Amino acid sequence: MSWVKDAIVALKAGREVDVRPHGGSMRGRIESGQCVTLGPVEVGMIAIDDVVFIAWKGNYLLHLVKDVTETDVLIGNNIGKINGWASRSAVLGKVIAIHPIGEI
């Protein structure tokens, strides 16, 4: 999962980063290995339906924001699973572009 380390370093430095996450939980929106651009995000700017890069139970995920409160976000995948609530401070960045397969 070197993309995770690259993303953390870039986002902490305030930079955008292109990554190719793998897995099936976001299929239909982001396919396994598809290039996405992550950008830094202010915690107050997180909205329902954003795809966020989040620290979750000792791991890192790209998941959808299903609901928000003043302090927390409810995350889930694109195939119907709800993971649960996490602090907004656990959000490290958000997807700002999903590149067509084969483009980058």
Protein backbone atom coordinates (compact mmCIF):
# COMPACT_ATOMS: atom_id res chain seq x y z
CA MET A 1 0.00 0.00 0.00
CA SER A 2 2.68 2.48 -0.96
CA TRP A 3 0.00 4.76 -2.38
CA VAL A 4 -1.18 5.35 1.19
CA LYS A 5 2.25 6.52 2.33
CA ASP A 6 2.62 8.76 -0.73
CA ALA A 7 -0.83 10.23 -0.09
CA ILE A 8 -0.19 10.92 3.59
CA VAL A 9 3.12 12.67 2.89
CA ALA A 10 1.69 14.83 0.10
CA LEU A 11 -1.53 15.76 1.91
CA LYS A 12 0.31 16.67 5.13
CA ALA A 13 2.49 18.97 3.01
CA GLY A 14 -0.66 20.57 1.55
CA ARG A 15 -0.17 19.08 -1.93
CA GLU A 16 -2.42 17.16 -4.27
CA VAL A 17 -1.38 13.62 -5.16
CA ASP A 18 -2.39 11.07 -7.81
CA VAL A 19 -2.86 7.53 -6.47
CA ARG A 20 -4.12 4.17 -7.71
CA PRO A 21 -5.99 2.49 -4.85
CA HIS A 22 -6.91 -1.18 -5.15
CA GLY A 23 -10.02 -2.92 -3.91
CA GLY A 24 -13.65 -3.38 -4.79
CA SER A 25 -15.53 -1.37 -2.18
CA MET A 26 -15.86 1.72 -4.37
CA ARG A 27 -16.58 -0.09 -7.67
CA GLY A 28 -19.01 1.72 -9.87
CA ARG A 29 -17.46 5.03 -8.82
CA ILE A 30 -13.74 4.18 -8.57
CA GLU A 31 -12.49 0.94 -10.07
CA SER A 32 -9.58 -1.00 -8.59
CA GLY A 33 -6.32 0.57 -9.81
CA GLN A 34 -8.03 3.60 -11.34
CA CYS A 35 -6.11 6.85 -10.93
CA VAL A 36 -7.66 9.44 -8.61
CA THR A 37 -6.36 12.78 -7.42
CA LEU A 38 -6.52 13.45 -3.70
CA GLY A 39 -6.40 16.96 -2.32
CA PRO A 40 -6.14 18.43 1.15
CA VAL A 41 -9.48 19.20 2.78
CA GLU A 42 -10.58 21.48 5.57
CA VAL A 43 -12.67 19.55 8.08
CA GLY A 44 -15.46 22.11 7.80
CA MET A 45 -15.70 21.52 4.05
CA ILE A 46 -16.60 17.83 4.14
CA ALA A 47 -20.02 17.12 2.60
CA ILE A 48 -22.33 14.17 2.01
CA ASP A 49 -21.29 12.20 -1.11
CA ASP A 50 -17.64 13.33 -0.94
CA VAL A 51 -15.14 10.51 -1.38
CA VAL A 52 -12.64 10.94 1.43
CA PHE A 53 -9.27 9.46 2.33
CA ILE A 54 -9.72 8.58 5.98
CA ALA A 55 -7.88 6.86 8.81
CA TRP A 56 -10.21 4.08 9.96
CA LYS A 57 -9.52 1.52 12.69
CA GLY A 58 -5.78 1.28 12.05
CA ASN A 59 -6.16 1.35 8.27
CA TYR A 60 -6.74 3.92 5.53
CA LEU A 61 -9.74 3.92 3.21
CA LEU A 62 -11.24 5.82 0.32
CA HIS A 63 -14.91 5.88 1.24
CA LEU A 64 -18.07 7.89 0.76
CA VAL A 65 -19.38 10.35 3.28
CA LYS A 66 -22.94 9.23 3.98
CA ASP A 67 -23.79 11.80 6.68
CA VAL A 68 -22.06 14.57 8.62
CA THR A 69 -22.40 16.23 11.99
CA GLU A 70 -20.46 19.12 13.44
CA THR A 71 -17.75 16.74 14.68
CA ASP A 72 -18.14 13.43 12.83
CA VAL A 73 -18.64 11.79 9.44
CA LEU A 74 -20.53 8.60 8.66
CA ILE A 75 -18.60 6.61 6.07
CA GLY A 76 -19.56 3.75 3.82
CA ASN A 77 -18.59 2.19 0.54
CA ASN A 78 -20.17 2.50 -2.90
CA ILE A 79 -21.83 -0.92 -2.77
CA GLY A 80 -24.11 -0.41 0.21
CA LYS A 81 -22.04 -1.03 3.34
CA ILE A 82 -22.00 1.51 6.15
CA ASN A 83 -18.76 1.37 8.15
CA GLY A 84 -19.68 3.78 10.94
CA TRP A 85 -18.94 7.16 12.43
CA ALA A 86 -15.46 8.70 12.54
CA SER A 87 -14.15 12.03 13.70
CA ARG A 88 -13.84 14.69 11.02
CA SER A 89 -10.20 14.97 12.09
CA ALA A 90 -9.64 11.41 10.76
CA VAL A 91 -10.26 12.71 7.22
CA LEU A 92 -6.87 13.28 5.64
CA GLY A 93 -8.03 14.41 2.19
CA LYS A 94 -10.68 13.97 -0.42
CA VAL A 95 -10.95 12.86 -4.03
CA ILE A 96 -10.93 15.92 -6.26
CA ALA A 97 -10.70 14.05 -9.59
CA ILE A 98 -11.41 10.55 -10.85
CA HIS A 99 -9.49 10.00 -14.08
CA PRO A 100 -10.93 7.90 -16.88
CA ILE A 101 -9.44 4.42 -16.97
CA GLY A 102 -6.37 4.41 -19.21
CA GLU A 103 -6.00 8.20 -19.18
CA ILE A 104 -3.19 8.49 -16.62
